[in-house]
C-alpha atoms as a PDB file:
ATOM      1  CA  UNK A   1      86.912 102.009 119.358  1.00  0.00           C
ATOM      2  CA  UNK A   2      86.066 104.713 116.867  1.00  0.00           C
ATOM      3  CA  UNK A   3      86.390 104.146 113.144  1.00  0.00           C
ATOM      4  CA  UNK A   4      86.862 107.286 111.057  1.00  0.00           C
ATOM      5  CA  UNK A   5      86.688 107.491 107.282  1.00  0.00           C
ATOM      6  CA  UNK A   6      88.104 110.404 105.330  1.00  0.00           C
ATOM      7  CA  UNK A   7      89.517 111.272 101.945  1.00  0.00           C
ATOM      8  CA  UNK A   8      93.111 110.204 101.509  1.00  0.00           C
ATOM      9  CA  UNK A   9      96.013 112.358 102.602  1.00  0.00           C
ATOM     10  CA  UNK A  10      98.760 110.388 100.855  1.00  0.00           C
ATOM     11  CA  UNK A  11      99.643 110.943  97.192  1.00  0.00           C
ATOM     12  CA  UNK A  12      96.825 109.400  95.181  1.00  0.00           C
ATOM     13  CA  UNK A  13      97.061 107.855  91.750  1.00  0.00           C
ATOM     14  CA  UNK A  14      95.334 105.267  89.646  1.00  0.00           C
ATOM     15  CA  UNK A  15      96.136 101.841  91.085  1.00  0.00           C
ATOM     16  CA  UNK A  16      98.830 100.978  88.584  1.00  0.00           C
ATOM     17  CA  UNK A  17     101.651  98.485  88.982  1.00  0.00           C
ATOM     18  CA  UNK A  18     104.462 100.981  88.366  1.00  0.00           C
ATOM     19  CA  UNK A  19     105.896 103.732  90.548  1.00  0.00           C
ATOM     20  CA  UNK A  20     104.343 107.129  89.691  1.00  0.00           C
ATOM     21  CA  UNK A  21     106.495 109.933  88.376  1.00  0.00           C
ATOM     22  CA  UNK A  22     107.430 112.785  90.717  1.00  0.00           C
ATOM     23  CA  UNK A  23     105.202 115.150  88.757  1.00  0.00           C
ATOM     24  CA  UNK A  24     102.265 112.754  89.087  1.00  0.00           C
ATOM     25  CA  UNK A  25     102.824 112.531  92.829  1.00  0.00           C
ATOM     26  CA  UNK A  26     102.912 116.310  93.251  1.00  0.00           C
ATOM     27  CA  UNK A  27      99.802 116.743  91.108  1.00  0.00           C
ATOM     28  CA  UNK A  28      97.944 114.190  93.184  1.00  0.00           C
ATOM     29  CA  UNK A  29      99.064 115.771  96.461  1.00  0.00           C
ATOM     30  CA  UNK A  30      97.793 119.146  95.319  1.00  0.00           C
ATOM     31  CA  UNK A  31      94.427 117.637  94.425  1.00  0.00           C
ATOM     32  CA  UNK A  32      93.802 116.332  97.956  1.00  0.00           C
ATOM     33  CA  UNK A  33      94.261 119.467 100.042  1.00  0.00           C
ATOM     34  CA  UNK A  34      90.525 119.734 100.783  1.00  0.00           C
ATOM     35  CA  UNK A  35      89.327 116.720 102.726  1.00  0.00           C
ATOM     36  CA  UNK A  36      85.772 115.454 103.102  1.00  0.00           C
ATOM     37  CA  UNK A  37      85.042 113.388 106.172  1.00  0.00           C
ATOM     38  CA  UNK A  38      82.379 111.058 107.444  1.00  0.00           C
ATOM     39  CA  UNK A  39      82.420 109.130 110.701  1.00  0.00           C
ATOM     40  CA  UNK A  40      81.132 105.878 112.126  1.00  0.00           C
ATOM     41  CA  UNK A  41      81.236 105.400 115.885  1.00  0.00           C
ATOM     42  CA  UNK A  42      81.994 102.282 117.900  1.00  0.00           C
ATOM     43  CA  UNK A  43      83.319 101.615 121.376  1.00  0.00           C
ATOM     44  CA  UNK A  44      86.539  99.935 122.489  1.00  0.00           C
ATOM     45  CA  UNK A  45      86.303  98.719 126.086  1.00  0.00           C
ATOM     46  CA  UNK A  46      89.304  98.091 128.374  1.00  0.00           C
ATOM     47  CA  UNK A  47      89.178  96.940 131.995  1.00  0.00           C
ATOM     48  CA  UNK A  48      91.958  96.576 134.616  1.00  0.00           C
ATOM     49  CA  UNK A  49      91.551  92.783 134.577  1.00  0.00           C
ATOM     50  CA  UNK A  50      91.681  92.417 130.811  1.00  0.00           C
ATOM     51  CA  UNK A  51      93.618  89.209 130.110  1.00  0.00           C
ATOM     52  CA  UNK A  52      94.865  90.726 126.856  1.00  0.00           C
ATOM     53  CA  UNK A  53      96.940  93.078 129.047  1.00  0.00           C
ATOM     54  CA  UNK A  54      97.878  90.808 131.950  1.00  0.00           C
ATOM     55  CA  UNK A  55      98.832  87.784 129.819  1.00  0.00           C
ATOM     56  CA  UNK A  56     100.483  89.530 126.895  1.00  0.00           C
ATOM     57  CA  UNK A  57     102.271  87.210 124.478  1.00  0.00           C
ATOM     58  CA  UNK A  58     103.725  90.062 122.404  1.00  0.00           C
ATOM     59  CA  UNK A  59     107.284  91.167 123.147  1.00  0.00           C
ATOM     60  CA  UNK A  60     109.329  94.220 122.220  1.00  0.00           C
ATOM     61  CA  UNK A  61     112.810  95.431 123.109  1.00  0.00           C
ATOM     62  CA  UNK A  62     111.573  99.027 123.256  1.00  0.00           C
ATOM     63  CA  UNK A  63     110.737 100.634 126.621  1.00  0.00           C
ATOM     64  CA  UNK A  64     110.618  97.350 128.501  1.00  0.00           C
ATOM     65  CA  UNK A  65     110.482  99.312 131.762  1.00  0.00           C
ATOM     66  CA  UNK A  66     107.144 100.876 130.772  1.00  0.00           C
ATOM     67  CA  UNK A  67     103.753  99.315 131.498  1.00  0.00           C
ATOM     68  CA  UNK A  68     101.807  97.354 128.906  1.00  0.00           C
ATOM     69  CA  UNK A  69      98.352  98.927 128.533  1.00  0.00           C
ATOM     70  CA  UNK A  70      97.200  97.185 125.364  1.00  0.00           C
ATOM     71  CA  UNK A  71      98.081  93.835 123.823  1.00  0.00           C
ATOM     72  CA  UNK A  72      96.336  91.833 121.118  1.00  0.00           C
ATOM     73  CA  UNK A  73      97.362  88.694 119.241  1.00  0.00           C
ATOM     74  CA  UNK A  74      93.916  88.573 117.580  1.00  0.00           C
ATOM     75  CA  UNK A  75      93.226  84.992 118.565  1.00  0.00           C
ATOM     76  CA  UNK A  76      89.722  86.209 119.413  1.00  0.00           C
ATOM     77  CA  UNK A  77      87.854  89.482 119.787  1.00  0.00           C
ATOM     78  CA  UNK A  78      88.627  89.986 123.474  1.00  0.00           C
ATOM     79  CA  UNK A  79      89.277  93.701 122.844  1.00  0.00           C
ATOM     80  CA  UNK A  80      85.923  94.278 121.165  1.00  0.00           C
ATOM     81  CA  UNK A  81      87.067  95.500 117.764  1.00  0.00           C
ATOM     82  CA  UNK A  82      84.204  96.794 115.645  1.00  0.00           C
ATOM     83  CA  UNK A  83      83.801  94.013 113.084  1.00  0.00           C
ATOM     84  CA  UNK A  84      81.622  93.747 110.003  1.00  0.00           C
ATOM     85  CA  UNK A  85      81.162  95.542 106.717  1.00  0.00           C
ATOM     86  CA  UNK A  86      80.101  98.967 105.603  1.00  0.00           C
ATOM     87  CA  UNK A  87      79.847 101.232 102.579  1.00  0.00           C
ATOM     88  CA  UNK A  88      79.525 104.956 101.985  1.00  0.00           C
ATOM     89  CA  UNK A  89      80.274 107.412  99.186  1.00  0.00           C
ATOM     90  CA  UNK A  90      84.041 106.951  99.641  1.00  0.00           C
ATOM     91  CA  UNK A  91      84.662 103.260 100.220  1.00  0.00           C
ATOM     92  CA  UNK A  92      83.561  99.723 100.945  1.00  0.00           C
ATOM     93  CA  UNK A  93      85.156  97.954 103.902  1.00  0.00           C
ATOM     94  CA  UNK A  94      84.983  94.725 105.869  1.00  0.00           C
ATOM     95  CA  UNK A  95      86.707  94.035 109.201  1.00  0.00           C
ATOM     96  CA  UNK A  96      87.162  90.521 110.594  1.00  0.00           C
ATOM     97  CA  UNK A  97      89.266  88.500 113.006  1.00  0.00           C
ATOM     98  CA  UNK A  98      90.347  85.461 111.039  1.00  0.00           C
ATOM     99  CA  UNK A  99      93.006  82.807 111.659  1.00  0.00           C
ATOM    100  CA  UNK A 100      94.676  84.822 114.397  1.00  0.00           C
ATOM    101  CA  UNK A 101      94.796  88.064 112.396  1.00  0.00           C
ATOM    102  CA  UNK A 102      92.877  91.319 112.341  1.00  0.00           C
ATOM    103  CA  UNK A 103      91.813  91.483 108.692  1.00  0.00           C
ATOM    104  CA  UNK A 104      90.601  94.595 106.876  1.00  0.00           C
ATOM    105  CA  UNK A 105      89.375  94.623 103.276  1.00  0.00           C
ATOM    106  CA  UNK A 106      89.134  98.104 101.779  1.00  0.00           C
ATOM    107  CA  UNK A 107      88.074  99.371  98.358  1.00  0.00           C
ATOM    108  CA  UNK A 108      88.395 103.037  97.442  1.00  0.00           C
ATOM    109  CA  UNK A 109      85.507 104.213  95.285  1.00  0.00           C
ATOM    110  CA  UNK A 110      86.234 106.415  92.267  1.00  0.00           C
ATOM    111  CA  UNK A 111      84.915 109.824  93.280  1.00  0.00           C
ATOM    112  CA  UNK A 112      87.356 112.350  91.791  1.00  0.00           C
ATOM    113  CA  UNK A 113      88.784 110.942  88.587  1.00  0.00           C
ATOM    114  CA  UNK A 114      91.230 108.589  90.303  1.00  0.00           C
ATOM    115  CA  UNK A 115      93.127 111.509  91.844  1.00  0.00           C
ATOM    116  CA  UNK A 116      92.175 110.742  95.409  1.00  0.00           C
ATOM    117  CA  UNK A 117      91.537 107.796  97.683  1.00  0.00           C
ATOM    118  CA  UNK A 118      90.355 106.823 101.160  1.00  0.00           C
ATOM    119  CA  UNK A 119      91.842 106.172 104.551  1.00  0.00           C
ATOM    120  CA  UNK A 120      90.141 104.472 107.468  1.00  0.00           C
ATOM    121  CA  UNK A 121      91.500 104.388 110.977  1.00  0.00           C
ATOM    122  CA  UNK A 122      90.486 102.528 114.093  1.00  0.00           C
ATOM    123  CA  UNK A 123      91.087 104.319 117.396  1.00  0.00           C
ATOM    124  CA  UNK A 124      92.752 102.256 120.125  1.00  0.00           C
ATOM    125  CA  UNK A 125      93.518 104.473 123.129  1.00  0.00           C
ATOM    126  CA  UNK A 126      94.981 107.900 123.951  1.00  0.00           C
ATOM    127  CA  UNK A 127      98.543 108.404 125.155  1.00  0.00           C
ATOM    128  CA  UNK A 128     101.148 111.158 125.425  1.00  0.00           C
ATOM    129  CA  UNK A 129     104.345 109.156 125.825  1.00  0.00           C
ATOM    130  CA  UNK A 130     104.096 105.681 124.346  1.00  0.00           C
ATOM    131  CA  UNK A 131     105.614 102.737 122.554  1.00  0.00           C
ATOM    132  CA  UNK A 132     103.381 101.103 119.942  1.00  0.00           C
ATOM    133  CA  UNK A 133     104.318  98.194 117.701  1.00  0.00           C
ATOM    134  CA  UNK A 134     102.315  96.089 115.257  1.00  0.00           C
ATOM    135  CA  UNK A 135     103.001  93.776 112.325  1.00  0.00           C
ATOM    136  CA  UNK A 136     101.098  94.165 109.075  1.00  0.00           C
ATOM    137  CA  UNK A 137     100.867  92.803 105.555  1.00  0.00           C
ATOM    138  CA  UNK A 138      99.137  93.889 102.335  1.00  0.00           C
ATOM    139  CA  UNK A 139      97.569  91.669  99.674  1.00  0.00           C
ATOM    140  CA  UNK A 140      96.535  93.470  96.480  1.00  0.00           C
ATOM    141  CA  UNK A 141      96.921  93.484  92.727  1.00  0.00           C
ATOM    142  CA  UNK A 142      97.806  97.163  93.014  1.00  0.00           C
ATOM    143  CA  UNK A 143     100.646  99.138  94.576  1.00  0.00           C
ATOM    144  CA  UNK A 144      98.670 102.201  95.641  1.00  0.00           C
ATOM    145  CA  UNK A 145      97.863 101.035  99.159  1.00  0.00           C
ATOM    146  CA  UNK A 146      99.496 101.353 102.560  1.00  0.00           C
ATOM    147  CA  UNK A 147      98.953 100.999 106.299  1.00  0.00           C
ATOM    148  CA  UNK A 148     100.304 102.688 109.380  1.00  0.00           C
ATOM    149  CA  UNK A 149      99.776 104.354 112.734  1.00  0.00           C
ATOM    150  CA  UNK A 150      97.956 107.618 113.441  1.00  0.00           C
ATOM    151  CA  UNK A 151      99.084 109.640 116.480  1.00  0.00           C
ATOM    152  CA  UNK A 152      98.583 113.118 118.004  1.00  0.00           C
ATOM    153  CA  UNK A 153      95.055 112.946 116.633  1.00  0.00           C
ATOM    154  CA  UNK A 154      93.029 115.854 117.958  1.00  0.00           C
ATOM    155  CA  UNK A 155      90.303 115.506 115.315  1.00  0.00           C
ATOM    156  CA  UNK A 156      89.894 114.530 111.652  1.00  0.00           C
ATOM    157  CA  UNK A 157      91.666 117.719 110.522  1.00  0.00           C
ATOM    158  CA  UNK A 158      94.650 117.535 112.900  1.00  0.00           C
ATOM    159  CA  UNK A 159      96.818 114.428 113.182  1.00  0.00           C
ATOM    160  CA  UNK A 160     100.040 112.696 112.148  1.00  0.00           C
ATOM    161  CA  UNK A 161     100.237 109.383 110.288  1.00  0.00           C
ATOM    162  CA  UNK A 162     103.297 107.206 109.788  1.00  0.00           C
ATOM    163  CA  UNK A 163     102.492 105.067 106.728  1.00  0.00           C
ATOM    164  CA  UNK A 164     104.240 102.131 105.075  1.00  0.00           C
ATOM    165  CA  UNK A 165     103.764 100.321 101.761  1.00  0.00           C
ATOM    166  CA  UNK A 166     105.208  96.837 101.350  1.00  0.00           C
ATOM    167  CA  UNK A 167     103.753  96.816  97.820  1.00  0.00           C
ATOM    168  CA  UNK A 168     106.112  99.589  96.720  1.00  0.00           C
ATOM    169  CA  UNK A 169     108.777  99.706  99.440  1.00  0.00           C
ATOM    170  CA  UNK A 170     108.199 103.218 100.816  1.00  0.00           C
ATOM    171  CA  UNK A 171     107.229 105.008 104.015  1.00  0.00           C
ATOM    172  CA  UNK A 172     106.376 108.588 104.924  1.00  0.00           C
ATOM    173  CA  UNK A 173     105.090 110.837 107.688  1.00  0.00           C
ATOM    174  CA  UNK A 174     102.048 112.937 106.894  1.00  0.00           C
ATOM    175  CA  UNK A 175     100.725 115.791 108.983  1.00  0.00           C
ATOM    176  CA  UNK A 176      97.271 117.273 108.655  1.00  0.00           C
ATOM    177  CA  UNK A 177      97.040 120.692 110.285  1.00  0.00           C
ATOM    178  CA  UNK A 178      93.648 122.367 110.154  1.00  0.00           C
ATOM    179  CA  UNK A 179      92.804 120.185 107.186  1.00  0.00           C
ATOM    180  CA  UNK A 180      95.928 121.063 105.198  1.00  0.00           C
ATOM    181  CA  UNK A 181      98.348 118.340 104.187  1.00  0.00           C
ATOM    182  CA  UNK A 182     102.086 118.449 104.900  1.00  0.00           C
ATOM    183  CA  UNK A 183     104.895 115.896 104.623  1.00  0.00           C
ATOM    184  CA  UNK A 184     107.357 116.312 107.539  1.00  0.00           C
ATOM    185  CA  UNK A 185     109.053 113.182 106.176  1.00  0.00           C
ATOM    186  CA  UNK A 186     108.585 112.835 102.430  1.00  0.00           C
ATOM    187  CA  UNK A 187     107.733 109.573 100.691  1.00  0.00           C
ATOM    188  CA  UNK A 188     110.961 107.581 100.401  1.00  0.00           C
ATOM    189  CA  UNK A 189     112.206 103.988 100.070  1.00  0.00           C
ATOM    190  CA  UNK A 190     114.118 102.155 102.777  1.00  0.00           C
ATOM    191  CA  UNK A 191     116.009  98.875 102.774  1.00  0.00           C
ATOM    192  CA  UNK A 192     114.380  97.883 106.074  1.00  0.00           C
ATOM    193  CA  UNK A 193     111.031  97.359 104.333  1.00  0.00           C
ATOM    194  CA  UNK A 194     110.189  93.812 103.275  1.00  0.00           C
ATOM    195  CA  UNK A 195     108.557  93.990  99.854  1.00  0.00           C
ATOM    196  CA  UNK A 196     105.307  92.000  99.583  1.00  0.00           C
ATOM    197  CA  UNK A 197     105.849  90.517 103.031  1.00  0.00           C
ATOM    198  CA  UNK A 198     104.928  91.208 106.617  1.00  0.00           C
ATOM    199  CA  UNK A 199     106.561  94.226 108.276  1.00  0.00           C
ATOM    200  CA  UNK A 200     106.755  95.404 111.865  1.00  0.00           C
ATOM    201  CA  UNK A 201     106.149  99.112 112.465  1.00  0.00           C
ATOM    202  CA  UNK A 202     107.100 100.717 115.796  1.00  0.00           C
ATOM    203  CA  UNK A 203     106.849 104.249 117.183  1.00  0.00           C
ATOM    204  CA  UNK A 204     108.519 105.313 120.423  1.00  0.00           C
ATOM    205  CA  UNK A 205     107.341 108.716 121.666  1.00  0.00           C
ATOM    206  CA  UNK A 206     108.818 110.514 124.650  1.00  0.00           C
ATOM    207  CA  UNK A 207     108.354 114.200 125.495  1.00  0.00           C
ATOM    208  CA  UNK A 208     107.666 115.175 121.890  1.00  0.00           C
ATOM    209  CA  UNK A 209     110.517 113.151 120.396  1.00  0.00           C
ATOM    210  CA  UNK A 210     109.280 110.403 118.062  1.00  0.00           C
ATOM    211  CA  UNK A 211     111.425 107.545 116.795  1.00  0.00           C
ATOM    212  CA  UNK A 212     110.223 105.426 113.884  1.00  0.00           C
ATOM    213  CA  UNK A 213     111.330 101.822 113.447  1.00  0.00           C
ATOM    214  CA  UNK A 214     110.653  99.354 110.647  1.00  0.00           C
ATOM    215  CA  UNK A 215     111.576  95.751 111.420  1.00  0.00           C
ATOM    216  CA  UNK A 216     113.679  96.923 114.386  1.00  0.00           C
ATOM    217  CA  UNK A 217     115.676  99.389 112.282  1.00  0.00           C
ATOM    218  CA  UNK A 218     115.537 103.082 113.153  1.00  0.00           C
ATOM    219  CA  UNK A 219     114.508 104.727 109.879  1.00  0.00           C
ATOM    220  CA  UNK A 220     113.828 108.280 111.052  1.00  0.00           C
ATOM    221  CA  UNK A 221     112.827 110.540 113.922  1.00  0.00           C
ATOM    222  CA  UNK A 222     110.799 113.685 114.419  1.00  0.00           C
ATOM    223  CA  UNK A 223     110.177 116.345 117.060  1.00  0.00           C
ATOM    224  CA  UNK A 224     106.907 118.138 117.672  1.00  0.00           C
ATOM    225  CA  UNK A 225     104.674 119.229 120.525  1.00  0.00           C
ATOM    226  CA  UNK A 226     103.541 116.204 122.545  1.00  0.00           C
ATOM    227  CA  UNK A 227      99.820 115.702 123.045  1.00  0.00           C
ATOM    228  CA  UNK A 228      97.622 113.245 124.867  1.00  0.00           C
ATOM    229  CA  UNK A 229      95.710 111.984 121.858  1.00  0.00           C
ATOM    230  CA  UNK A 230      94.481 108.796 120.275  1.00  0.00           C
ATOM    231  CA  UNK A 231      96.703 106.157 118.736  1.00  0.00           C
ATOM    232  CA  UNK A 232      95.007 104.478 115.811  1.00  0.00           C
ATOM    233  CA  UNK A 233      95.574 101.758 113.234  1.00  0.00           C
ATOM    234  CA  UNK A 234      95.233 103.153 109.700  1.00  0.00           C
ATOM    235  CA  UNK A 235      94.718 101.668 106.219  1.00  0.00           C
ATOM    236  CA  UNK A 236      94.692 103.471 102.861  1.00  0.00           C
ATOM    237  CA  UNK A 237      93.940 102.744  99.205  1.00  0.00           C
ATOM    238  CA  UNK A 238      93.792 104.939  96.119  1.00  0.00           C
ATOM    239  CA  UNK A 239      90.529 105.261  94.215  1.00  0.00           C
ATOM    240  CA  UNK A 240      89.634 102.105  92.347  1.00  0.00           C
ATOM    241  CA  UNK A 241      92.039  99.997  94.429  1.00  0.00           C
ATOM    242  CA  UNK A 242      91.040  96.974  96.502  1.00  0.00           C
ATOM    243  CA  UNK A 243      93.429  95.689  99.167  1.00  0.00           C
ATOM    244  CA  UNK A 244      93.406  93.229 102.028  1.00  0.00           C
ATOM    245  CA  UNK A 245      95.355  94.121 105.168  1.00  0.00           C
ATOM    246  CA  UNK A 246      96.313  91.572 107.826  1.00  0.00           C
ATOM    247  CA  UNK A 247      97.579  92.648 111.269  1.00  0.00           C
ATOM    248  CA  UNK A 248      98.994  90.820 114.264  1.00  0.00           C
ATOM    249  CA  UNK A 249     100.859  91.341 117.548  1.00  0.00           C
ATOM    250  CA  UNK A 250      99.706  94.806 118.591  1.00  0.00           C
ATOM    251  CA  UNK A 251     101.427  96.108 121.724  1.00  0.00           C
ATOM    252  CA  UNK A 252     101.279  99.480 123.485  1.00  0.00           C
ATOM    253  CA  UNK A 253     103.326 100.542 126.511  1.00  0.00           C
ATOM    254  CA  UNK A 254     103.265 103.828 128.422  1.00  0.00           C
ATOM    255  CA  UNK A 255     105.191 105.189 131.434  1.00  0.00           C
ATOM    256  CA  UNK A 256     103.803 104.044 134.786  1.00  0.00           C
ATOM    257  CA  UNK A 257     102.540 107.500 135.726  1.00  0.00           C
ATOM    258  CA  UNK A 258     100.417 107.678 132.569  1.00  0.00           C
ATOM    259  CA  UNK A 259      98.726 104.273 132.821  1.00  0.00           C
ATOM    260  CA  UNK A 260      95.397 105.439 134.237  1.00  0.00           C
ATOM    261  CA  UNK A 261      95.028 108.246 131.692  1.00  0.00           C
ATOM    262  CA  UNK A 262      95.696 105.835 128.815  1.00  0.00           C
ATOM    263  CA  UNK A 263      93.303 103.085 129.844  1.00  0.00           C
ATOM    264  CA  UNK A 264      90.541 105.254 131.232  1.00  0.00           C
ATOM    265  CA  UNK A 265      90.283 108.407 129.104  1.00  0.00           C
ATOM    266  CA  UNK A 266      87.813 111.076 130.123  1.00  0.00           C
ATOM    267  CA  UNK A 267      84.519 110.936 128.229  1.00  0.00           C
END
């Protein structure tokens, strides 16, 4: 597993308890076009006899005919997540498996006058066509925090991220292309989101067509060029914001013909 830290790509504001104005959002977006990155490397190991795959207790109604290549209920660290704490110029973080959850504590350090923030993501495995689902929750005194799934990640300057905030009831799709930020799906509310509660986020990708589900409701879709690239779990906070993220029931399926490429990527 690879953990990557970079400056935030979502609108960034002081961690207040009210929704920012549209002008504040646009100002913050403009201030985060240039992204600084730093990386920390770890390794995620999968084997054909991994019991987390063969004895999966996570279910999904999506692409049931595809093969499960990754499954984790976080009852232990069978999948070798990189746990422990760390700190750099952008953030402080701590990753643990606790009470059957994957728990991430993240604090964004104030580095640019509270107009930016930090995102961390944890690589899982690469796939071209896939179904990924996970449940997540946020605990924070602030609303400027979110979590989601990164896909089509070629490097730290080229990726997509579907992000969700149960603290403020919104989701969006962000694209970074050569380090420049775009919003193919702008930040918007949706009734499918459970405020201040656990939510299930699902992406189904097939031949460049991506469907996005929140709590089993189709909230949007998107078409782009398909790529065999890493799927990752992402967390984000604005500068000055501390949040605790708890995840459970991670499941990934891929078509049968793509199983080997997903579990055993070339190195």
